[in-house]
N, C-alpha and C. Protein backbone atom coordinates (compact mmCIF):
# COMPACT_ATOMS: atom_id res chain seq x y z
N UNK A 1 42.38 -9.92 9.79
CA UNK A 1 41.94 -10.44 11.08
C UNK A 1 40.42 -10.57 11.09
N UNK A 2 39.88 -11.76 11.37
CA UNK A 2 38.42 -11.93 11.35
C UNK A 2 37.75 -11.24 12.54
N UNK A 3 36.51 -10.81 12.35
CA UNK A 3 35.75 -10.19 13.43
C UNK A 3 35.28 -11.24 14.42
N UNK A 4 35.07 -10.80 15.64
CA UNK A 4 34.58 -11.69 16.68
C UNK A 4 33.15 -12.12 16.38
N UNK A 5 32.85 -13.39 16.58
CA UNK A 5 31.50 -13.91 16.41
C UNK A 5 30.89 -14.21 17.78
N UNK A 6 29.55 -14.10 17.87
CA UNK A 6 28.86 -14.29 19.14
C UNK A 6 27.94 -15.50 19.08
N UNK A 7 27.83 -16.20 20.21
CA UNK A 7 26.84 -17.25 20.38
C UNK A 7 25.60 -16.61 20.98
N UNK A 8 24.46 -16.74 20.33
CA UNK A 8 23.27 -15.98 20.74
C UNK A 8 22.17 -16.87 21.32
N UNK A 9 21.36 -16.26 22.21
CA UNK A 9 20.10 -16.83 22.66
C UNK A 9 18.99 -16.11 21.93
N UNK A 10 17.89 -16.79 21.65
CA UNK A 10 16.76 -16.17 20.96
C UNK A 10 15.66 -15.85 21.96
N UNK A 11 15.30 -14.56 22.05
CA UNK A 11 14.22 -14.10 22.91
C UNK A 11 13.06 -13.66 22.05
N UNK A 12 11.90 -13.44 22.69
CA UNK A 12 10.77 -12.90 21.95
C UNK A 12 11.06 -11.44 21.58
N UNK A 13 10.35 -10.93 20.60
CA UNK A 13 10.59 -9.57 20.12
C UNK A 13 10.46 -8.54 21.22
N UNK A 14 11.42 -7.61 21.28
CA UNK A 14 11.38 -6.56 22.28
C UNK A 14 12.19 -5.36 21.79
N UNK A 15 12.12 -4.24 22.52
CA UNK A 15 12.75 -3.00 22.08
C UNK A 15 14.18 -2.90 22.61
N UNK A 16 15.12 -3.45 21.86
CA UNK A 16 16.51 -3.44 22.28
C UNK A 16 17.42 -2.68 21.32
N UNK A 17 16.87 -1.95 20.38
CA UNK A 17 17.70 -1.15 19.49
C UNK A 17 18.32 -0.01 20.28
N UNK A 18 19.64 0.10 20.24
CA UNK A 18 20.33 1.14 21.02
C UNK A 18 21.71 1.37 20.42
N UNK A 19 22.33 2.51 20.68
CA UNK A 19 21.82 3.62 21.49
C UNK A 19 20.84 4.49 20.72
N UNK A 20 20.11 5.30 21.46
CA UNK A 20 19.14 6.22 20.90
C UNK A 20 19.39 7.61 21.48
N UNK A 21 18.89 8.66 20.80
CA UNK A 21 19.02 10.01 21.38
C UNK A 21 17.86 10.31 22.32
N UNK A 22 18.11 10.58 23.60
CA UNK A 22 17.02 10.93 24.51
C UNK A 22 16.71 12.42 24.38
N UNK A 23 15.87 12.77 23.42
CA UNK A 23 15.64 14.17 23.09
C UNK A 23 14.61 14.82 24.01
N UNK A 24 14.71 16.15 24.13
CA UNK A 24 13.71 16.94 24.83
C UNK A 24 12.73 17.48 23.80
N UNK A 25 11.49 17.07 23.90
CA UNK A 25 10.46 17.54 22.96
C UNK A 25 9.66 18.64 23.65
N UNK A 26 9.70 19.82 23.08
CA UNK A 26 8.92 20.94 23.64
C UNK A 26 7.68 21.15 22.77
N UNK A 27 6.59 21.51 23.43
CA UNK A 27 5.33 21.62 22.71
C UNK A 27 4.41 22.60 23.43
N UNK A 28 3.26 22.86 22.83
CA UNK A 28 2.28 23.74 23.45
C UNK A 28 1.87 24.87 22.54
N UNK A 29 0.94 25.68 23.03
CA UNK A 29 0.43 26.82 22.28
C UNK A 29 -0.17 27.81 23.29
N UNK A 30 -0.13 29.09 22.93
CA UNK A 30 -0.65 30.10 23.85
C UNK A 30 0.15 30.09 25.14
N UNK A 31 -0.55 30.03 26.26
CA UNK A 31 0.10 30.02 27.57
C UNK A 31 0.43 28.60 28.06
N UNK A 32 0.05 27.60 27.29
CA UNK A 32 0.29 26.21 27.69
C UNK A 32 1.56 25.71 27.02
N UNK A 33 2.57 25.41 27.83
CA UNK A 33 3.84 24.91 27.30
C UNK A 33 4.31 23.73 28.13
N UNK A 34 5.00 22.80 27.48
CA UNK A 34 5.49 21.64 28.21
C UNK A 34 6.73 21.08 27.50
N UNK A 35 7.50 20.32 28.25
CA UNK A 35 8.66 19.64 27.68
C UNK A 35 8.70 18.22 28.23
N UNK A 36 8.98 17.26 27.38
CA UNK A 36 9.05 15.86 27.80
C UNK A 36 10.23 15.18 27.13
N UNK A 37 10.70 14.11 27.72
CA UNK A 37 11.80 13.35 27.16
C UNK A 37 11.26 12.21 26.31
N UNK A 38 11.83 12.06 25.12
CA UNK A 38 11.42 11.01 24.19
C UNK A 38 12.66 10.30 23.66
N UNK A 39 12.68 8.98 23.74
CA UNK A 39 13.79 8.21 23.17
C UNK A 39 13.41 7.56 21.85
N UNK A 40 12.10 7.36 21.65
CA UNK A 40 11.67 6.74 20.38
C UNK A 40 11.54 7.86 19.34
N UNK A 41 12.64 8.13 18.66
CA UNK A 41 12.67 9.18 17.64
C UNK A 41 13.77 8.88 16.63
N UNK A 42 13.70 9.53 15.49
CA UNK A 42 14.72 9.30 14.47
C UNK A 42 14.34 9.96 13.15
N UNK A 43 15.06 9.62 12.10
CA UNK A 43 14.84 10.18 10.77
C UNK A 43 14.18 9.13 9.88
N UNK A 44 13.18 9.54 9.12
CA UNK A 44 12.48 8.64 8.21
C UNK A 44 12.81 8.91 6.75
N UNK A 45 13.15 10.16 6.42
CA UNK A 45 13.39 10.52 5.02
C UNK A 45 14.29 11.75 4.96
N UNK A 46 15.13 11.79 3.91
CA UNK A 46 16.04 12.93 3.74
C UNK A 46 15.38 14.08 3.00
N UNK A 47 14.79 13.79 1.84
CA UNK A 47 14.11 14.81 1.05
C UNK A 47 12.73 14.32 0.65
N UNK A 48 11.68 14.92 1.17
CA UNK A 48 11.69 15.99 2.16
C UNK A 48 12.16 15.47 3.52
N UNK A 49 12.71 16.34 4.37
CA UNK A 49 13.17 15.89 5.68
C UNK A 49 11.99 15.51 6.58
N UNK A 50 11.95 14.25 7.00
CA UNK A 50 10.84 13.74 7.80
C UNK A 50 11.38 13.01 9.03
N UNK A 51 10.81 13.29 10.17
CA UNK A 51 11.20 12.65 11.41
C UNK A 51 9.97 12.02 12.08
N UNK A 52 10.14 11.50 13.27
CA UNK A 52 9.00 10.95 14.01
C UNK A 52 9.31 10.97 15.50
N UNK A 53 8.26 10.98 16.29
CA UNK A 53 8.36 10.67 17.72
C UNK A 53 7.22 9.71 18.05
N UNK A 54 7.44 8.84 19.01
CA UNK A 54 6.39 7.92 19.45
C UNK A 54 5.98 8.26 20.87
N UNK A 55 4.67 8.42 21.09
CA UNK A 55 4.16 8.83 22.40
C UNK A 55 3.04 7.91 22.86
N UNK A 56 2.95 7.75 24.16
CA UNK A 56 1.79 7.07 24.74
C UNK A 56 0.64 8.08 24.83
N UNK A 57 -0.57 7.62 24.60
CA UNK A 57 -1.73 8.52 24.61
C UNK A 57 -1.95 9.19 25.96
N UNK A 58 -1.55 8.52 27.04
CA UNK A 58 -1.80 9.08 28.36
C UNK A 58 -0.83 10.19 28.75
N UNK A 59 0.18 10.44 27.97
CA UNK A 59 1.12 11.51 28.30
C UNK A 59 0.48 12.88 28.08
N UNK A 60 0.78 13.79 28.98
CA UNK A 60 0.19 15.12 28.95
C UNK A 60 0.46 15.84 27.62
N UNK A 61 1.61 15.62 27.05
CA UNK A 61 1.98 16.31 25.81
C UNK A 61 1.29 15.75 24.58
N UNK A 62 0.75 14.54 24.69
CA UNK A 62 0.11 13.92 23.52
C UNK A 62 -0.95 14.83 22.92
N UNK A 63 -1.89 15.30 23.75
CA UNK A 63 -2.98 16.12 23.24
C UNK A 63 -2.49 17.50 22.81
N UNK A 64 -1.46 18.03 23.50
CA UNK A 64 -0.92 19.32 23.10
C UNK A 64 -0.39 19.27 21.67
N UNK A 65 0.33 18.20 21.37
CA UNK A 65 0.88 18.05 20.02
C UNK A 65 -0.22 17.70 19.02
N UNK A 66 -1.15 16.87 19.46
CA UNK A 66 -2.27 16.50 18.58
C UNK A 66 -3.09 17.73 18.20
N UNK A 67 -3.36 18.60 19.16
CA UNK A 67 -4.19 19.78 18.91
C UNK A 67 -3.44 20.86 18.12
N UNK A 68 -2.18 21.07 18.45
CA UNK A 68 -1.42 22.14 17.78
C UNK A 68 -0.83 21.69 16.45
N UNK A 69 -0.53 20.40 16.35
CA UNK A 69 0.06 19.88 15.11
C UNK A 69 1.53 20.19 14.96
N UNK A 70 2.18 20.69 16.01
CA UNK A 70 3.60 21.05 15.92
C UNK A 70 4.33 20.70 17.22
N UNK A 71 5.65 20.59 17.12
CA UNK A 71 6.50 20.38 18.30
C UNK A 71 7.94 20.66 17.88
N UNK A 72 8.84 20.69 18.86
CA UNK A 72 10.25 20.93 18.60
C UNK A 72 11.07 19.83 19.25
N UNK A 73 11.97 19.21 18.49
CA UNK A 73 12.91 18.23 19.01
C UNK A 73 14.19 18.97 19.38
N UNK A 74 14.58 18.91 20.66
CA UNK A 74 15.77 19.59 21.15
C UNK A 74 16.82 18.54 21.55
N UNK A 75 17.99 18.61 20.93
CA UNK A 75 19.04 17.65 21.25
C UNK A 75 19.74 18.06 22.55
N UNK A 76 19.82 17.16 23.54
CA UNK A 76 20.42 17.53 24.82
C UNK A 76 21.91 17.18 24.90
N UNK A 77 22.62 17.91 25.74
CA UNK A 77 24.03 17.68 25.98
C UNK A 77 24.24 16.92 27.28
N UNK A 78 25.49 16.50 27.53
CA UNK A 78 25.81 15.82 28.79
C UNK A 78 25.41 16.67 29.99
N UNK A 79 25.58 17.97 29.86
CA UNK A 79 25.26 18.90 30.96
C UNK A 79 23.79 18.83 31.34
N UNK A 80 22.93 18.44 30.40
CA UNK A 80 21.49 18.43 30.63
C UNK A 80 20.94 17.07 31.07
N UNK A 81 21.82 16.13 31.42
CA UNK A 81 21.35 14.77 31.68
C UNK A 81 20.32 14.71 32.81
N UNK A 82 20.49 15.48 33.87
CA UNK A 82 19.50 15.47 34.96
C UNK A 82 18.18 16.07 34.51
N UNK A 83 18.23 17.11 33.68
CA UNK A 83 17.01 17.71 33.15
C UNK A 83 16.28 16.72 32.24
N UNK A 84 17.05 15.99 31.45
CA UNK A 84 16.46 14.98 30.56
C UNK A 84 15.74 13.91 31.37
N UNK A 85 16.36 13.46 32.43
CA UNK A 85 15.74 12.43 33.26
C UNK A 85 14.49 12.95 33.94
N UNK A 86 14.57 14.15 34.51
CA UNK A 86 13.42 14.74 35.20
C UNK A 86 12.23 14.91 34.25
N UNK A 87 12.51 15.37 33.04
CA UNK A 87 11.42 15.60 32.08
C UNK A 87 10.85 14.30 31.53
N UNK A 88 11.50 13.18 31.85
CA UNK A 88 10.98 11.88 31.44
C UNK A 88 10.16 11.20 32.51
N UNK A 89 10.37 11.60 33.77
CA UNK A 89 9.65 10.93 34.86
C UNK A 89 8.55 11.78 35.49
N UNK A 90 8.64 13.10 35.36
CA UNK A 90 7.60 13.99 35.87
C UNK A 90 6.54 14.24 34.79
N UNK A 91 5.36 14.63 35.22
CA UNK A 91 4.27 14.92 34.28
C UNK A 91 3.98 16.41 34.24
N UNK A 92 3.70 16.91 33.05
CA UNK A 92 3.34 18.31 32.89
C UNK A 92 1.95 18.62 33.42
N UNK A 93 1.21 17.61 33.81
CA UNK A 93 -0.13 17.83 34.36
C UNK A 93 -0.06 18.58 35.69
N UNK A 94 0.98 18.29 36.45
CA UNK A 94 1.07 18.90 37.79
C UNK A 94 2.44 19.50 38.09
N UNK A 95 3.30 19.61 37.08
CA UNK A 95 4.65 20.15 37.30
C UNK A 95 5.06 21.06 36.14
N UNK A 96 5.61 22.21 36.47
CA UNK A 96 6.24 23.06 35.47
C UNK A 96 7.64 22.47 35.26
N UNK A 97 7.75 21.55 34.32
CA UNK A 97 8.98 20.79 34.18
C UNK A 97 10.16 21.64 33.74
N UNK A 98 9.91 22.62 32.88
CA UNK A 98 11.00 23.49 32.45
C UNK A 98 11.61 24.21 33.64
N UNK A 99 10.76 24.74 34.50
CA UNK A 99 11.23 25.46 35.69
C UNK A 99 11.95 24.51 36.64
N UNK A 100 11.38 23.34 36.86
CA UNK A 100 11.97 22.36 37.77
C UNK A 100 13.31 21.86 37.27
N UNK A 101 13.47 21.79 35.94
CA UNK A 101 14.71 21.27 35.36
C UNK A 101 15.72 22.36 35.05
N UNK A 102 15.34 23.62 35.26
CA UNK A 102 16.25 24.72 34.98
C UNK A 102 16.39 25.03 33.50
N UNK A 103 15.33 24.75 32.75
CA UNK A 103 15.33 24.99 31.31
C UNK A 103 14.55 26.26 30.97
N UNK A 104 14.90 26.87 29.85
CA UNK A 104 14.25 28.10 29.42
C UNK A 104 13.60 27.91 28.06
N UNK A 105 12.32 28.30 27.96
CA UNK A 105 11.65 28.25 26.66
C UNK A 105 12.06 29.46 25.83
N UNK A 106 12.21 29.23 24.52
CA UNK A 106 12.50 30.31 23.59
C UNK A 106 11.53 30.26 22.43
N UNK A 107 11.53 31.27 21.61
CA UNK A 107 10.62 31.36 20.48
C UNK A 107 11.21 30.63 19.27
N UNK A 108 10.46 29.72 18.70
CA UNK A 108 10.89 29.04 17.49
C UNK A 108 10.74 29.98 16.29
N UNK A 109 11.38 29.64 15.19
CA UNK A 109 11.36 30.53 14.03
C UNK A 109 10.10 30.39 13.20
N UNK A 110 9.47 29.19 13.21
CA UNK A 110 8.29 28.95 12.38
C UNK A 110 7.10 28.47 13.19
N UNK A 111 7.26 27.41 13.97
CA UNK A 111 6.13 26.80 14.66
C UNK A 111 5.80 27.56 15.94
N UNK A 112 4.57 27.36 16.42
CA UNK A 112 4.13 28.04 17.64
C UNK A 112 4.75 27.43 18.89
N UNK A 113 5.08 26.14 18.83
CA UNK A 113 5.67 25.47 20.00
C UNK A 113 7.01 26.12 20.34
N UNK A 114 7.36 26.15 21.62
CA UNK A 114 8.63 26.76 22.03
C UNK A 114 9.81 25.83 21.76
N UNK A 115 11.00 26.40 21.77
CA UNK A 115 12.22 25.59 21.75
C UNK A 115 12.92 25.72 23.10
N UNK A 116 13.92 24.90 23.34
CA UNK A 116 14.68 24.95 24.59
C UNK A 116 15.99 25.68 24.34
N UNK A 117 16.20 26.78 25.06
CA UNK A 117 17.36 27.63 24.83
C UNK A 117 18.67 26.92 25.16
N UNK A 118 18.67 25.97 26.09
CA UNK A 118 19.91 25.31 26.50
C UNK A 118 20.30 24.16 25.57
N UNK A 119 19.48 23.88 24.57
CA UNK A 119 19.81 22.83 23.60
C UNK A 119 20.59 23.43 22.44
N UNK A 120 21.69 22.79 22.00
CA UNK A 120 22.48 23.34 20.89
C UNK A 120 21.81 23.20 19.53
N UNK A 121 20.85 22.27 19.43
CA UNK A 121 20.13 22.07 18.17
C UNK A 121 18.65 21.86 18.46
N UNK A 122 17.81 22.70 17.86
CA UNK A 122 16.35 22.59 18.04
C UNK A 122 15.71 22.43 16.67
N UNK A 123 14.93 21.37 16.51
CA UNK A 123 14.37 20.99 15.20
C UNK A 123 12.86 21.20 15.22
N UNK A 124 12.38 22.14 14.41
CA UNK A 124 10.96 22.48 14.39
C UNK A 124 10.20 21.51 13.46
N UNK A 125 9.12 20.96 13.99
CA UNK A 125 8.41 19.89 13.27
C UNK A 125 6.91 20.17 13.16
N UNK A 126 6.34 19.73 12.06
CA UNK A 126 4.89 19.81 11.84
C UNK A 126 4.36 18.42 11.56
N UNK A 127 3.35 18.02 12.33
CA UNK A 127 2.80 16.67 12.22
C UNK A 127 2.12 16.47 10.87
N UNK A 128 2.48 15.39 10.22
CA UNK A 128 1.86 15.05 8.94
C UNK A 128 0.85 13.90 9.11
N UNK A 129 1.11 12.99 10.05
CA UNK A 129 0.23 11.83 10.24
C UNK A 129 0.50 11.21 11.61
N UNK A 130 -0.58 10.74 12.25
CA UNK A 130 -0.45 10.02 13.52
C UNK A 130 -0.90 8.58 13.30
N UNK A 131 -0.01 7.64 13.60
CA UNK A 131 -0.29 6.23 13.36
C UNK A 131 -0.32 5.48 14.70
N UNK A 132 -1.48 4.92 15.08
CA UNK A 132 -1.55 4.12 16.31
C UNK A 132 -0.94 2.74 16.09
N UNK A 133 -0.05 2.33 16.99
CA UNK A 133 0.62 1.03 16.83
C UNK A 133 0.34 0.07 17.98
N UNK A 134 -0.03 0.60 19.14
CA UNK A 134 -0.22 -0.24 20.32
C UNK A 134 -0.01 0.61 21.55
N UNK A 135 1.06 0.36 22.29
CA UNK A 135 1.35 1.18 23.46
C UNK A 135 1.65 2.63 23.07
N UNK A 136 2.19 2.83 21.87
CA UNK A 136 2.57 4.16 21.41
C UNK A 136 1.92 4.50 20.07
N UNK A 137 1.70 5.80 19.86
CA UNK A 137 1.29 6.32 18.56
C UNK A 137 2.49 7.05 17.95
N UNK A 138 2.68 6.89 16.65
CA UNK A 138 3.80 7.52 15.97
C UNK A 138 3.34 8.81 15.30
N UNK A 139 4.02 9.90 15.62
CA UNK A 139 3.76 11.20 15.01
C UNK A 139 4.78 11.40 13.88
N UNK A 140 4.40 11.07 12.67
CA UNK A 140 5.28 11.30 11.52
C UNK A 140 5.20 12.77 11.16
N UNK A 141 6.34 13.42 11.07
CA UNK A 141 6.34 14.89 10.99
C UNK A 141 7.39 15.43 10.03
N UNK A 142 7.04 16.53 9.37
CA UNK A 142 7.97 17.23 8.49
C UNK A 142 8.87 18.14 9.31
N UNK A 143 10.14 18.17 8.97
CA UNK A 143 11.08 19.09 9.62
C UNK A 143 11.04 20.41 8.86
N UNK A 144 10.56 21.45 9.52
CA UNK A 144 10.39 22.76 8.87
C UNK A 144 11.62 23.65 9.01
N UNK A 145 12.34 23.52 10.13
CA UNK A 145 13.50 24.38 10.36
C UNK A 145 14.41 23.74 11.39
N UNK A 146 15.69 24.08 11.31
CA UNK A 146 16.68 23.62 12.28
C UNK A 146 17.39 24.85 12.85
N UNK A 147 17.39 24.97 14.17
CA UNK A 147 18.07 26.07 14.85
C UNK A 147 19.33 25.52 15.49
N UNK A 148 20.50 25.96 15.01
CA UNK A 148 21.77 25.42 15.47
C UNK A 148 22.60 26.49 16.17
N UNK A 149 23.30 26.09 17.22
CA UNK A 149 24.14 27.00 18.00
C UNK A 149 25.30 27.50 17.14
N UNK A 150 25.50 28.81 17.12
CA UNK A 150 26.59 29.39 16.34
C UNK A 150 27.94 28.91 16.84
N UNK A 151 28.01 28.57 18.14
CA UNK A 151 29.26 28.11 18.72
C UNK A 151 29.74 26.78 18.12
N UNK A 152 28.82 26.05 17.48
CA UNK A 152 29.16 24.75 16.91
C UNK A 152 29.42 24.80 15.41
N UNK A 153 29.42 26.00 14.83
CA UNK A 153 29.69 26.13 13.40
C UNK A 153 31.18 26.35 13.19
N UNK A 154 31.77 25.59 12.23
CA UNK A 154 33.19 25.76 11.95
C UNK A 154 33.39 26.92 10.98
N UNK A 155 34.62 27.13 10.51
CA UNK A 155 34.94 28.27 9.65
C UNK A 155 34.22 28.23 8.32
N UNK A 156 33.72 27.04 7.93
CA UNK A 156 32.99 26.90 6.68
C UNK A 156 31.47 26.91 6.88
N UNK A 157 31.04 27.17 8.11
CA UNK A 157 29.61 27.20 8.41
C UNK A 157 29.02 25.82 8.61
N UNK A 158 29.86 24.79 8.69
CA UNK A 158 29.40 23.41 8.88
C UNK A 158 29.14 23.16 10.37
N UNK A 159 28.06 22.45 10.65
CA UNK A 159 27.71 22.14 12.03
C UNK A 159 28.61 21.02 12.56
N UNK A 160 29.38 21.30 13.57
CA UNK A 160 30.30 20.32 14.16
C UNK A 160 29.65 19.69 15.38
N UNK A 161 28.75 18.73 15.16
CA UNK A 161 28.01 18.10 16.26
C UNK A 161 28.91 17.28 17.16
N UNK A 162 30.09 16.91 16.67
CA UNK A 162 31.01 16.13 17.50
C UNK A 162 31.52 16.95 18.68
N UNK A 163 31.34 18.27 18.62
CA UNK A 163 31.78 19.14 19.71
C UNK A 163 30.64 19.50 20.67
N UNK A 164 29.46 18.93 20.43
CA UNK A 164 28.30 19.30 21.22
C UNK A 164 28.14 18.50 22.51
N UNK A 165 28.89 17.41 22.66
CA UNK A 165 28.77 16.55 23.86
C UNK A 165 27.35 16.05 24.05
N UNK A 166 26.79 15.47 22.98
CA UNK A 166 25.41 14.99 23.01
C UNK A 166 25.26 13.72 23.83
N UNK A 167 24.04 13.48 24.30
CA UNK A 167 23.72 12.30 25.10
C UNK A 167 23.29 11.12 24.24
N UNK A 168 23.46 9.93 24.79
CA UNK A 168 22.91 8.71 24.19
C UNK A 168 22.16 7.95 25.28
N UNK A 169 21.22 7.10 24.85
CA UNK A 169 20.38 6.35 25.79
C UNK A 169 20.35 4.89 25.35
N UNK A 170 20.62 3.99 26.28
CA UNK A 170 20.62 2.56 25.94
C UNK A 170 20.10 1.75 27.11
N UNK A 171 18.99 1.06 26.88
CA UNK A 171 18.44 0.11 27.85
C UNK A 171 18.26 0.73 29.23
N UNK A 172 17.67 1.94 29.25
CA UNK A 172 17.33 2.57 30.52
C UNK A 172 18.45 3.37 31.16
N UNK A 173 19.56 3.56 30.45
CA UNK A 173 20.68 4.29 31.03
C UNK A 173 21.19 5.36 30.06
N UNK A 174 21.74 6.44 30.63
CA UNK A 174 22.26 7.55 29.83
C UNK A 174 23.78 7.43 29.69
N UNK A 175 24.28 7.79 28.51
CA UNK A 175 25.70 7.70 28.25
C UNK A 175 26.19 8.94 27.51
N UNK A 176 27.47 9.26 27.72
CA UNK A 176 28.13 10.27 26.90
C UNK A 176 28.65 9.56 25.65
N UNK A 177 28.63 10.26 24.53
CA UNK A 177 29.15 9.65 23.31
C UNK A 177 30.65 9.43 23.45
N UNK A 178 31.14 8.32 22.89
CA UNK A 178 32.55 7.97 23.00
C UNK A 178 33.42 8.63 21.94
N UNK A 179 34.61 8.09 21.76
CA UNK A 179 35.56 8.65 20.81
C UNK A 179 35.12 8.40 19.37
N UNK A 180 35.54 9.28 18.49
CA UNK A 180 35.23 9.16 17.07
C UNK A 180 36.03 8.00 16.48
N UNK A 181 35.35 7.13 15.73
CA UNK A 181 35.99 5.96 15.14
C UNK A 181 36.18 6.08 13.64
N UNK A 182 35.43 6.97 13.03
CA UNK A 182 35.51 7.12 11.57
C UNK A 182 34.45 8.09 11.12
N UNK A 183 34.34 8.28 9.82
CA UNK A 183 33.30 9.12 9.25
C UNK A 183 32.66 8.38 8.08
N UNK A 184 31.47 8.82 7.67
CA UNK A 184 30.72 8.09 6.64
C UNK A 184 31.57 7.90 5.38
N UNK A 185 31.70 6.65 4.95
CA UNK A 185 32.44 6.33 3.74
C UNK A 185 33.92 6.11 3.94
N UNK A 186 34.41 6.18 5.19
CA UNK A 186 35.86 6.07 5.40
C UNK A 186 36.41 4.70 5.04
N UNK A 187 35.56 3.66 5.09
CA UNK A 187 36.04 2.30 4.81
C UNK A 187 36.41 2.08 3.35
N UNK A 188 35.87 2.90 2.44
CA UNK A 188 36.17 2.74 1.02
C UNK A 188 36.90 3.95 0.44
N UNK A 189 37.18 4.92 1.30
CA UNK A 189 37.85 6.13 0.83
C UNK A 189 39.32 5.86 0.53
N UNK A 190 39.79 6.35 -0.61
CA UNK A 190 41.19 6.16 -0.98
C UNK A 190 42.08 7.05 -0.13
N UNK A 191 43.19 6.49 0.30
CA UNK A 191 44.14 7.25 1.08
C UNK A 191 45.02 8.08 0.16
N UNK A 192 45.19 9.34 0.49
CA UNK A 192 46.04 10.23 -0.30
C UNK A 192 47.48 10.13 0.19
N UNK A 193 48.40 9.95 -0.74
CA UNK A 193 49.82 9.90 -0.38
C UNK A 193 50.30 11.28 -0.01
N UNK A 194 51.07 11.35 1.05
CA UNK A 194 51.64 12.63 1.45
C UNK A 194 52.76 13.02 0.49
N UNK A 195 53.12 14.29 0.48
CA UNK A 195 54.18 14.76 -0.41
C UNK A 195 55.51 14.09 -0.07
N UNK A 196 55.75 13.87 1.23
CA UNK A 196 56.99 13.23 1.64
C UNK A 196 57.08 11.80 1.15
N UNK A 197 55.93 11.07 1.22
CA UNK A 197 55.89 9.69 0.74
C UNK A 197 56.13 9.64 -0.74
N UNK A 198 55.51 10.59 -1.49
CA UNK A 198 55.66 10.63 -2.94
C UNK A 198 57.11 10.87 -3.34
N UNK A 199 57.82 11.73 -2.60
CA UNK A 199 59.22 12.04 -2.92
C UNK A 199 60.12 10.82 -2.68
N UNK A 200 59.83 10.08 -1.60
CA UNK A 200 60.62 8.89 -1.30
C UNK A 200 60.48 7.82 -2.37
N UNK A 201 59.31 7.79 -3.00
CA UNK A 201 59.06 6.77 -4.02
C UNK A 201 59.73 7.06 -5.33
N UNK A 202 60.22 8.28 -5.52
CA UNK A 202 60.86 8.65 -6.80
C UNK A 202 62.26 8.09 -6.92
């Protein structure tokens, strides 16, 4: 059966890649701590593990991360959707966003920046390079440690993120992740015959 084809209009270049993870980025040092929502994030390299976040210079957290050189990416769940939105529209200049959103700061294992206790996965990052691009600067960063909720580990110690109820963000709206459609490599994976099928073929 052929796939559906679309008739397209051509627009000027714009940011329409979606869905994206609307992560909570926690940062700060000493008594100064803040959390903000970032959708421009992702993975750049596997080994060494490298990620990035893109920030506008006018954001309160920009200088905190620039000065400290570290931050934590916290993956949010469906339960945290209101906190994610609040931390994206309020400024840390005049609001204790963690308190307002009902979030709790915790101690990271390596970096000075705090992590968010209500996030099932917190990724500790160290800035390697800041690249100005225009409206946003890209903080290319090494992933130093990953803190994962024990509740999401299966019997083999594997992280079962499909059970975390993570959020997605697309074109200004938040979504819950849908049903599982497959796993990496499933399209070329050979199907194993069941014992019953094998017996019938004899």
